[in-house]
Protein backbone atom coordinates (compact mmCIF):
# COMPACT_ATOMS: atom_id res chain seq x y z
CA UNK A 1 85.23 80.10 -98.83
CA UNK A 2 85.43 79.10 -95.19
CA UNK A 3 84.61 82.67 -94.10
CA UNK A 4 81.62 82.76 -96.46
CA UNK A 5 80.24 79.52 -95.08
CA UNK A 6 80.57 80.83 -91.52
CA UNK A 7 78.60 84.00 -92.40
CA UNK A 8 75.84 82.00 -94.07
CA UNK A 9 75.72 79.68 -91.10
CA UNK A 10 75.28 82.60 -88.69
CA UNK A 11 72.56 84.10 -90.86
CA UNK A 12 70.69 80.82 -90.84
CA UNK A 13 70.85 80.71 -87.04
CA UNK A 14 69.62 84.39 -86.67
CA UNK A 15 66.85 83.87 -89.20
CA UNK A 16 67.88 86.53 -91.74
CA UNK A 17 70.61 87.35 -94.13
CA UNK A 18 72.78 90.19 -92.83
CA UNK A 19 75.81 91.50 -94.55
CA UNK A 20 78.82 92.78 -92.64
CA UNK A 21 78.20 96.24 -94.08
CA UNK A 22 75.12 96.64 -91.88
CA UNK A 23 77.23 96.46 -88.70
CA UNK A 24 79.91 98.95 -89.67
CA UNK A 25 79.66 102.34 -91.34
CA UNK A 26 82.75 103.42 -93.10
CA UNK A 27 83.27 106.92 -94.23
CA UNK A 28 86.11 107.95 -96.44
CA UNK A 29 87.41 111.46 -95.94
CA UNK A 30 89.88 113.04 -98.26
CA UNK A 31 92.57 114.91 -96.36
CA UNK A 32 96.08 116.00 -96.78
CA UNK A 33 97.31 112.65 -95.51
CA UNK A 34 95.08 110.67 -97.83
CA UNK A 35 92.10 108.52 -96.87
CA UNK A 36 90.87 108.45 -93.26
CA UNK A 37 88.04 107.02 -91.25
CA UNK A 38 85.33 109.62 -90.31
CA UNK A 39 83.72 109.75 -86.86
CA UNK A 40 80.01 108.90 -86.72
CA UNK A 41 77.63 111.89 -86.35
CA UNK A 42 75.68 112.28 -83.13
CA UNK A 43 71.89 112.58 -83.38
CA UNK A 44 71.57 114.43 -80.02
CA UNK A 45 71.36 118.28 -79.78
CA UNK A 46 73.64 119.78 -77.13
CA UNK A 47 72.64 123.30 -75.78
CA UNK A 48 75.30 125.86 -75.03
CA UNK A 49 75.85 126.98 -71.42
CA UNK A 50 74.38 130.42 -72.29
CA UNK A 51 71.17 128.82 -73.57
CA UNK A 52 70.94 126.73 -70.40
CA UNK A 53 71.30 129.87 -68.25
CA UNK A 54 68.63 131.70 -70.27
CA UNK A 55 66.22 128.79 -69.90
CA UNK A 56 66.87 128.66 -66.16
CA UNK A 57 66.34 132.41 -65.77
CA UNK A 58 63.13 132.25 -67.80
CA UNK A 59 61.86 129.47 -65.57
CA UNK A 60 62.71 131.39 -62.40
CA UNK A 61 61.00 134.55 -63.69
CA UNK A 62 57.87 132.64 -64.68
CA UNK A 63 57.64 130.93 -61.29
CA UNK A 64 58.26 134.23 -59.46
CA UNK A 65 55.45 135.93 -61.38
CA UNK A 66 53.10 133.05 -60.61
CA UNK A 67 53.92 133.16 -56.87
CA UNK A 68 53.60 136.95 -56.85
CA UNK A 69 50.20 136.71 -58.52
CA UNK A 70 48.98 134.21 -55.91
CA UNK A 71 50.26 136.49 -53.13
CA UNK A 72 48.39 139.48 -54.60
CA UNK A 73 45.16 137.47 -54.89
CA UNK A 74 45.54 136.30 -51.28
CA UNK A 75 45.97 139.89 -50.03
CA UNK A 76 43.07 141.10 -52.16
CA UNK A 77 40.69 138.47 -50.75
CA UNK A 78 41.67 138.53 -47.07
CA UNK A 79 43.11 142.05 -46.52
CA UNK A 80 41.49 144.34 -49.12
CA UNK A 81 42.30 147.67 -47.41
CA UNK A 82 45.92 146.69 -46.83
CA UNK A 83 46.13 145.44 -50.41
CA UNK A 84 45.13 148.88 -51.74
CA UNK A 85 47.87 150.55 -49.68
CA UNK A 86 50.38 147.88 -50.67
CA UNK A 87 49.59 148.31 -54.39
CA UNK A 88 49.88 152.10 -54.21
CA UNK A 89 53.18 151.84 -52.32
CA UNK A 90 54.72 149.40 -54.80
CA UNK A 91 53.60 151.45 -57.82
CA UNK A 92 54.92 154.58 -56.12
CA UNK A 93 58.32 152.98 -55.65
CA UNK A 94 58.40 151.98 -59.32
CA UNK A 95 57.48 155.50 -60.47
CA UNK A 96 60.03 157.09 -58.14
CA UNK A 97 62.73 154.74 -59.40
CA UNK A 98 61.81 155.55 -63.01
CA UNK A 99 61.99 159.28 -62.20
CA UNK A 100 65.41 158.82 -60.62
CA UNK A 101 66.76 157.00 -63.68
CA UNK A 102 65.39 159.66 -66.02
CA UNK A 103 66.85 162.46 -63.88
CA UNK A 104 70.21 160.70 -63.93
CA UNK A 105 70.12 160.43 -67.73
CA UNK A 106 69.32 164.14 -68.01
CA UNK A 107 72.12 165.13 -65.62
CA UNK A 108 74.58 162.87 -67.43
CA UNK A 109 73.65 164.43 -70.77
CA UNK A 110 74.04 167.92 -69.26
CA UNK A 111 77.50 167.03 -67.98
CA UNK A 112 78.65 165.47 -71.26
CA UNK A 113 77.50 168.32 -73.49
CA UNK A 114 78.06 171.16 -70.99
CA UNK A 115 74.37 172.15 -70.96
CA UNK A 116 72.95 174.47 -68.32
CA UNK A 117 69.55 174.01 -66.70
CA UNK A 118 67.91 176.89 -68.57
CA UNK A 119 69.09 175.42 -71.90
CA UNK A 120 67.16 172.17 -71.48
CA UNK A 121 63.86 171.43 -73.24
CA UNK A 122 60.75 172.19 -71.21
CA UNK A 123 59.87 168.61 -70.21
CA UNK A 124 63.40 167.86 -69.01
CA UNK A 125 63.52 171.10 -67.01
CA UNK A 126 60.17 170.35 -65.40
CA UNK A 127 61.20 166.77 -64.62
CA UNK A 128 64.36 167.89 -62.83
CA UNK A 129 62.47 170.58 -60.90
CA UNK A 130 59.79 168.15 -59.73
CA UNK A 131 62.29 165.41 -58.90
CA UNK A 132 64.36 167.78 -56.76
CA UNK A 133 61.22 168.80 -54.90
CA UNK A 134 60.24 165.17 -54.32
CA UNK A 135 63.71 164.22 -53.07
CA UNK A 136 63.73 167.19 -50.69
CA UNK A 137 60.42 166.07 -49.22
CA UNK A 138 61.66 162.48 -48.83
CA UNK A 139 64.80 163.70 -47.08
CA UNK A 140 62.98 164.12 -43.75
CA UNK A 141 61.83 160.49 -43.82
CA UNK A 142 65.36 159.38 -44.55
CA UNK A 143 66.72 161.29 -41.57
CA UNK A 144 64.21 160.01 -39.01
CA UNK A 145 64.62 156.41 -40.20
CA UNK A 146 68.36 156.34 -39.42
CA UNK A 147 68.12 155.23 -35.73
CA UNK A 148 67.68 151.47 -35.11
CA UNK A 149 64.09 150.20 -35.35
CA UNK A 150 62.91 153.67 -36.36
CA UNK A 151 61.59 152.34 -39.66
CA UNK A 152 58.52 150.97 -37.85
CA UNK A 153 57.75 154.49 -36.61
CA UNK A 154 58.31 155.83 -40.13
CA UNK A 155 55.68 153.49 -41.60
CA UNK A 156 53.21 154.57 -38.92
CA UNK A 157 53.87 158.26 -39.62
CA UNK A 158 53.51 157.68 -43.37
CA UNK A 159 50.12 156.08 -42.78
CA UNK A 160 48.91 158.82 -40.41
CA UNK A 161 50.33 161.86 -42.29
CA UNK A 162 50.47 161.00 -46.02
CA UNK A 163 50.07 164.61 -47.18
CA UNK A 164 52.93 165.95 -45.08
CA UNK A 165 55.39 163.07 -45.49
CA UNK A 166 54.65 161.37 -48.82
CA UNK A 167 55.06 162.60 -52.37
CA UNK A 168 52.39 162.42 -55.07
CA UNK A 169 53.51 158.96 -56.25
CA UNK A 170 52.18 157.44 -53.01
CA UNK A 171 48.82 159.22 -52.97
CA UNK A 172 45.55 157.68 -54.09
CA UNK A 173 43.67 159.55 -56.88
CA UNK A 174 41.23 160.93 -54.29
CA UNK A 175 44.08 162.00 -52.04
CA UNK A 176 45.74 163.83 -54.91
CA UNK A 177 42.64 165.95 -55.50
CA UNK A 178 41.99 166.54 -51.79
CA UNK A 179 45.60 167.39 -50.95
CA UNK A 180 45.95 169.81 -53.85
CA UNK A 181 42.78 171.56 -52.65
CA UNK A 182 44.23 171.80 -49.15
CA UNK A 183 47.53 173.24 -50.39
CA UNK A 184 45.72 175.78 -52.55
CA UNK A 185 43.56 176.80 -49.59
CA UNK A 186 46.76 177.48 -47.65
CA UNK A 187 48.22 179.75 -50.31
CA UNK A 188 44.87 181.41 -51.03
CA UNK A 189 44.70 182.57 -47.40
CA UNK A 190 47.67 184.86 -48.07
CA UNK A 191 46.13 186.55 -51.15
CA UNK A 192 44.16 189.29 -49.30
CA UNK A 193 47.21 189.97 -47.14
CA UNK A 194 49.42 190.47 -50.21
CA UNK A 195 46.88 192.82 -51.83
CA UNK A 196 46.79 194.87 -48.63
CA UNK A 197 50.59 195.17 -48.63
CA UNK A 198 50.44 196.42 -52.23
CA UNK A 199 47.95 199.08 -51.22
CA UNK A 200 50.19 200.21 -48.35
CA UNK A 201 53.17 200.89 -50.66
CA UNK A 202 51.16 202.97 -53.16
CA UNK A 203 52.10 206.29 -51.45
CA UNK A 204 55.78 205.30 -51.69
CA UNK A 205 55.65 205.18 -55.51
CA UNK A 206 56.96 208.43 -56.97
CA UNK A 207 55.19 208.22 -60.33
CA UNK A 208 51.55 209.36 -60.14
CA UNK A 209 50.57 207.27 -63.17
CA UNK A 210 51.94 204.09 -61.59
CA UNK A 211 50.12 204.97 -58.37
CA UNK A 212 46.83 205.19 -60.27
CA UNK A 213 47.44 201.92 -62.15
CA UNK A 214 48.29 199.99 -58.96
CA UNK A 215 45.27 201.43 -57.11
CA UNK A 216 42.99 200.50 -59.99
CA UNK A 217 44.44 196.98 -60.16
CA UNK A 218 44.00 196.35 -56.42
CA UNK A 219 40.42 197.67 -56.59
CA UNK A 220 39.55 195.36 -59.48
CA UNK A 221 40.91 192.31 -57.68
CA UNK A 222 39.09 193.17 -54.44
CA UNK A 223 35.83 193.54 -56.39
CA UNK A 224 36.25 190.11 -57.96
CA UNK A 225 37.34 191.21 -61.45
CA UNK A 226 39.96 189.25 -63.36
CA UNK A 227 42.64 191.75 -64.49
CA UNK A 228 43.67 192.12 -68.11
CA UNK A 229 47.22 191.48 -69.27
CA UNK A 230 47.89 195.15 -70.02
CA UNK A 231 46.75 196.11 -66.51
CA UNK A 232 49.53 193.99 -65.04
CA UNK A 233 52.27 194.84 -67.54
CA UNK A 234 51.67 198.56 -66.98
CA UNK A 235 53.24 198.12 -63.51
CA UNK A 236 56.55 196.64 -64.65
CA UNK A 237 58.56 199.68 -63.62
CA UNK A 238 57.46 199.88 -59.98
CA UNK A 239 58.19 196.15 -59.45
CA UNK A 240 61.77 196.45 -60.71
CA UNK A 241 63.03 198.68 -57.85
CA UNK A 242 61.87 200.42 -54.69
CA UNK A 243 59.37 199.82 -53.14
CA UNK A 244 58.27 196.52 -54.75
CA UNK A 245 61.55 194.95 -55.84
CA UNK A 246 62.24 191.61 -54.14
CA UNK A 247 65.14 193.06 -52.14
CA UNK A 248 63.05 196.06 -50.98
CA UNK A 249 59.98 194.16 -49.74
CA UNK A 250 59.08 194.27 -46.06
CA UNK A 251 59.59 191.12 -43.97
CA UNK A 252 55.86 190.46 -43.49
CA UNK A 253 55.28 190.93 -47.21
CA UNK A 254 58.02 188.38 -47.94
CA UNK A 255 56.48 185.88 -45.51
CA UNK A 256 53.07 186.24 -47.16
CA UNK A 257 54.58 185.68 -50.61
CA UNK A 258 56.38 182.59 -49.30
CA UNK A 259 53.06 181.12 -48.19
CA UNK A 260 51.56 181.94 -51.58
CA UNK A 261 54.40 179.95 -53.19
CA UNK A 262 53.93 177.05 -50.73
CA UNK A 263 57.29 177.75 -49.11
CA UNK A 264 57.85 177.74 -45.37
CA UNK A 265 57.59 181.22 -43.88
CA UNK A 266 59.45 180.48 -40.61
CA UNK A 267 62.93 181.24 -41.96
CA UNK A 268 64.85 184.53 -41.66
CA UNK A 269 63.79 187.16 -44.26
CA UNK A 270 67.12 187.10 -46.19
CA UNK A 271 66.79 183.35 -46.68
CA UNK A 272 63.14 183.74 -47.66
CA UNK A 273 64.08 186.36 -50.28
CA UNK A 274 66.72 184.02 -51.69
CA UNK A 275 64.25 181.14 -51.95
CA UNK A 276 61.62 183.35 -53.59
CA UNK A 277 64.10 184.66 -56.15
CA UNK A 278 65.30 181.13 -56.91
CA UNK A 279 61.75 179.77 -57.30
CA UNK A 280 60.67 182.72 -59.48
CA UNK A 281 63.78 182.44 -61.67
CA UNK A 282 63.12 178.73 -62.28
CA UNK A 283 59.49 179.43 -63.23
CA UNK A 284 60.65 182.20 -65.60
CA UNK A 285 63.08 179.80 -67.27
CA UNK A 286 60.34 177.19 -67.54
CA UNK A 287 58.06 179.78 -69.14
CA UNK A 288 60.61 180.58 -71.83
CA UNK A 289 61.10 176.89 -72.61
CA UNK A 290 57.33 176.32 -72.66
CA UNK A 291 56.78 179.26 -75.00
CA UNK A 292 59.34 177.72 -77.35
CA UNK A 293 57.64 174.31 -77.17
CA UNK A 294 54.08 175.63 -77.41
CA UNK A 295 51.14 175.06 -75.06
CA UNK A 296 49.43 172.95 -77.71
CA UNK A 297 52.16 170.29 -77.35
CA UNK A 298 51.31 169.65 -73.68
CA UNK A 299 49.00 166.91 -72.49
CA UNK A 300 46.00 167.72 -70.31
CA UNK A 301 47.84 166.60 -67.17
CA UNK A 302 50.91 168.65 -68.05
CA UNK A 303 48.75 171.75 -68.57
CA UNK A 304 47.02 171.32 -65.20
CA UNK A 305 50.35 170.75 -63.42
CA UNK A 306 51.84 173.85 -65.03
CA UNK A 307 48.85 175.97 -63.96
CA UNK A 308 48.94 174.67 -60.40
CA UNK A 309 52.64 175.48 -60.08
CA UNK A 310 51.91 179.08 -61.12
CA UNK A 311 49.14 179.63 -58.58
CA UNK A 312 45.92 178.42 -60.22
CA UNK A 313 43.88 175.61 -58.63
CA UNK A 314 43.46 173.64 -61.85
CA UNK A 315 41.98 170.50 -60.26
CA UNK A 316 38.41 171.75 -60.82
CA UNK A 317 38.87 173.68 -64.08
CA UNK A 318 38.43 172.36 -67.62
CA UNK A 319 41.41 171.81 -69.87
CA UNK A 320 40.47 174.61 -72.30
CA UNK A 321 40.24 177.21 -69.53
CA UNK A 322 43.56 176.03 -68.14
CA UNK A 323 45.20 176.47 -71.54
CA UNK A 324 43.70 179.97 -71.85
CA UNK A 325 44.96 180.99 -68.42
CA UNK A 326 48.40 179.52 -69.08
CA UNK A 327 48.57 181.50 -72.33
CA UNK A 328 47.88 184.73 -70.40
CA UNK A 329 50.60 183.84 -67.90
CA UNK A 330 53.15 183.20 -70.65
CA UNK A 331 52.35 186.53 -72.32
CA UNK A 332 53.18 188.33 -69.10
CA UNK A 333 56.19 186.19 -68.15
CA UNK A 334 57.92 186.33 -71.53
CA UNK A 335 57.56 190.13 -71.57
CA UNK A 336 59.47 190.58 -68.30
CA UNK A 337 63.19 191.05 -67.77
CA UNK A 338 65.17 189.44 -64.97
CA UNK A 339 65.05 192.71 -63.00
CA UNK A 340 61.23 192.65 -63.14
CA UNK A 341 60.69 189.16 -61.70
CA UNK A 342 59.03 190.61 -58.60
CA UNK A 343 55.99 191.28 -60.80
CA UNK A 344 56.03 187.62 -61.90
CA UNK A 345 56.15 186.62 -58.24
CA UNK A 346 53.11 188.77 -57.44
CA UNK A 347 51.42 187.51 -60.59
CA UNK A 348 50.75 184.25 -58.70
CA UNK A 349 48.16 186.28 -56.80
CA UNK A 350 47.13 188.91 -59.35
CA UNK A 351 46.28 186.53 -62.20
CA UNK A 352 44.80 183.60 -60.28
CA UNK A 353 42.61 185.14 -57.57
CA UNK A 354 39.48 185.86 -59.65
CA UNK A 355 39.94 183.61 -62.68
CA UNK A 356 36.65 182.16 -63.98
CA UNK A 357 35.92 178.64 -62.79
CA UNK A 358 38.19 178.71 -59.76
CA UNK A 359 36.89 177.38 -56.46
CA UNK A 360 36.60 180.10 -53.79
């Protein structure tokens, strides 16, 4: 009774009636030991350390992108010419890095499954071939940038000589067209020289029928006629051994063929022969893989790149004509044996010199 009066007295002072149950929350929990008091639940949400790290990383990435965007806008407004070069350089680095990762995946897969280069699908073979060529070209820049402070000279040389020192990833679209025209002009200069060397070896051919076929072929090309496939395949025998086999070619003939393949011609003839045989063998393997895939599966850019590699200046030719020419090339290439690859090497000149639509 005394306790009840005290509670009513307190409620009168506070202005409301409050029961003791409103101050304490009791929770009965049934456990092995019987009844127990339960802990009150917290209304706050606690994030895990991993969630905190993710939120922090997301914030940093967002801020970095915003700062990077402001920096790009600043360069674009105040230094427009430098901004174009900067953008091309950064995109080139990204594409080169992507190519390197893809090449590594292909090489890893080859190692795991014991796959040889010629057993790869066409696109993987072409990617490895192009990546090796790009790395070889970048090797010179890597060597000259080794001395201290030489990197400043490297940047100057890259700006002054982009065609000689940079790969296609760092060229502008206009530079890509112009540089491909320049390279094709270099190899086209050797075409008349190679035809003249073919004419000089005609008397050395023992078979009279092969002599007539080669004379007729050289005459057609000199008159501006595009040769037919059967005109070229009729000469398979004389390109498999003396005098037109790769190992029997004269030194000047080998140098001219090296220029037609965009290879340096200032090396000793044995080394030039080795490089020509290696390049022709790779193209022959690519042709077999491409024939298996089908020309129709290639994109327009892939078709033009394939034609340019095989001697045709495809930068100014329509896609349909490129596909037609590439089909003719594959018919010839897939009909040749490994001992007849000298004919495939000369086919860079024979099939591309007078093709319709080419720039002269």
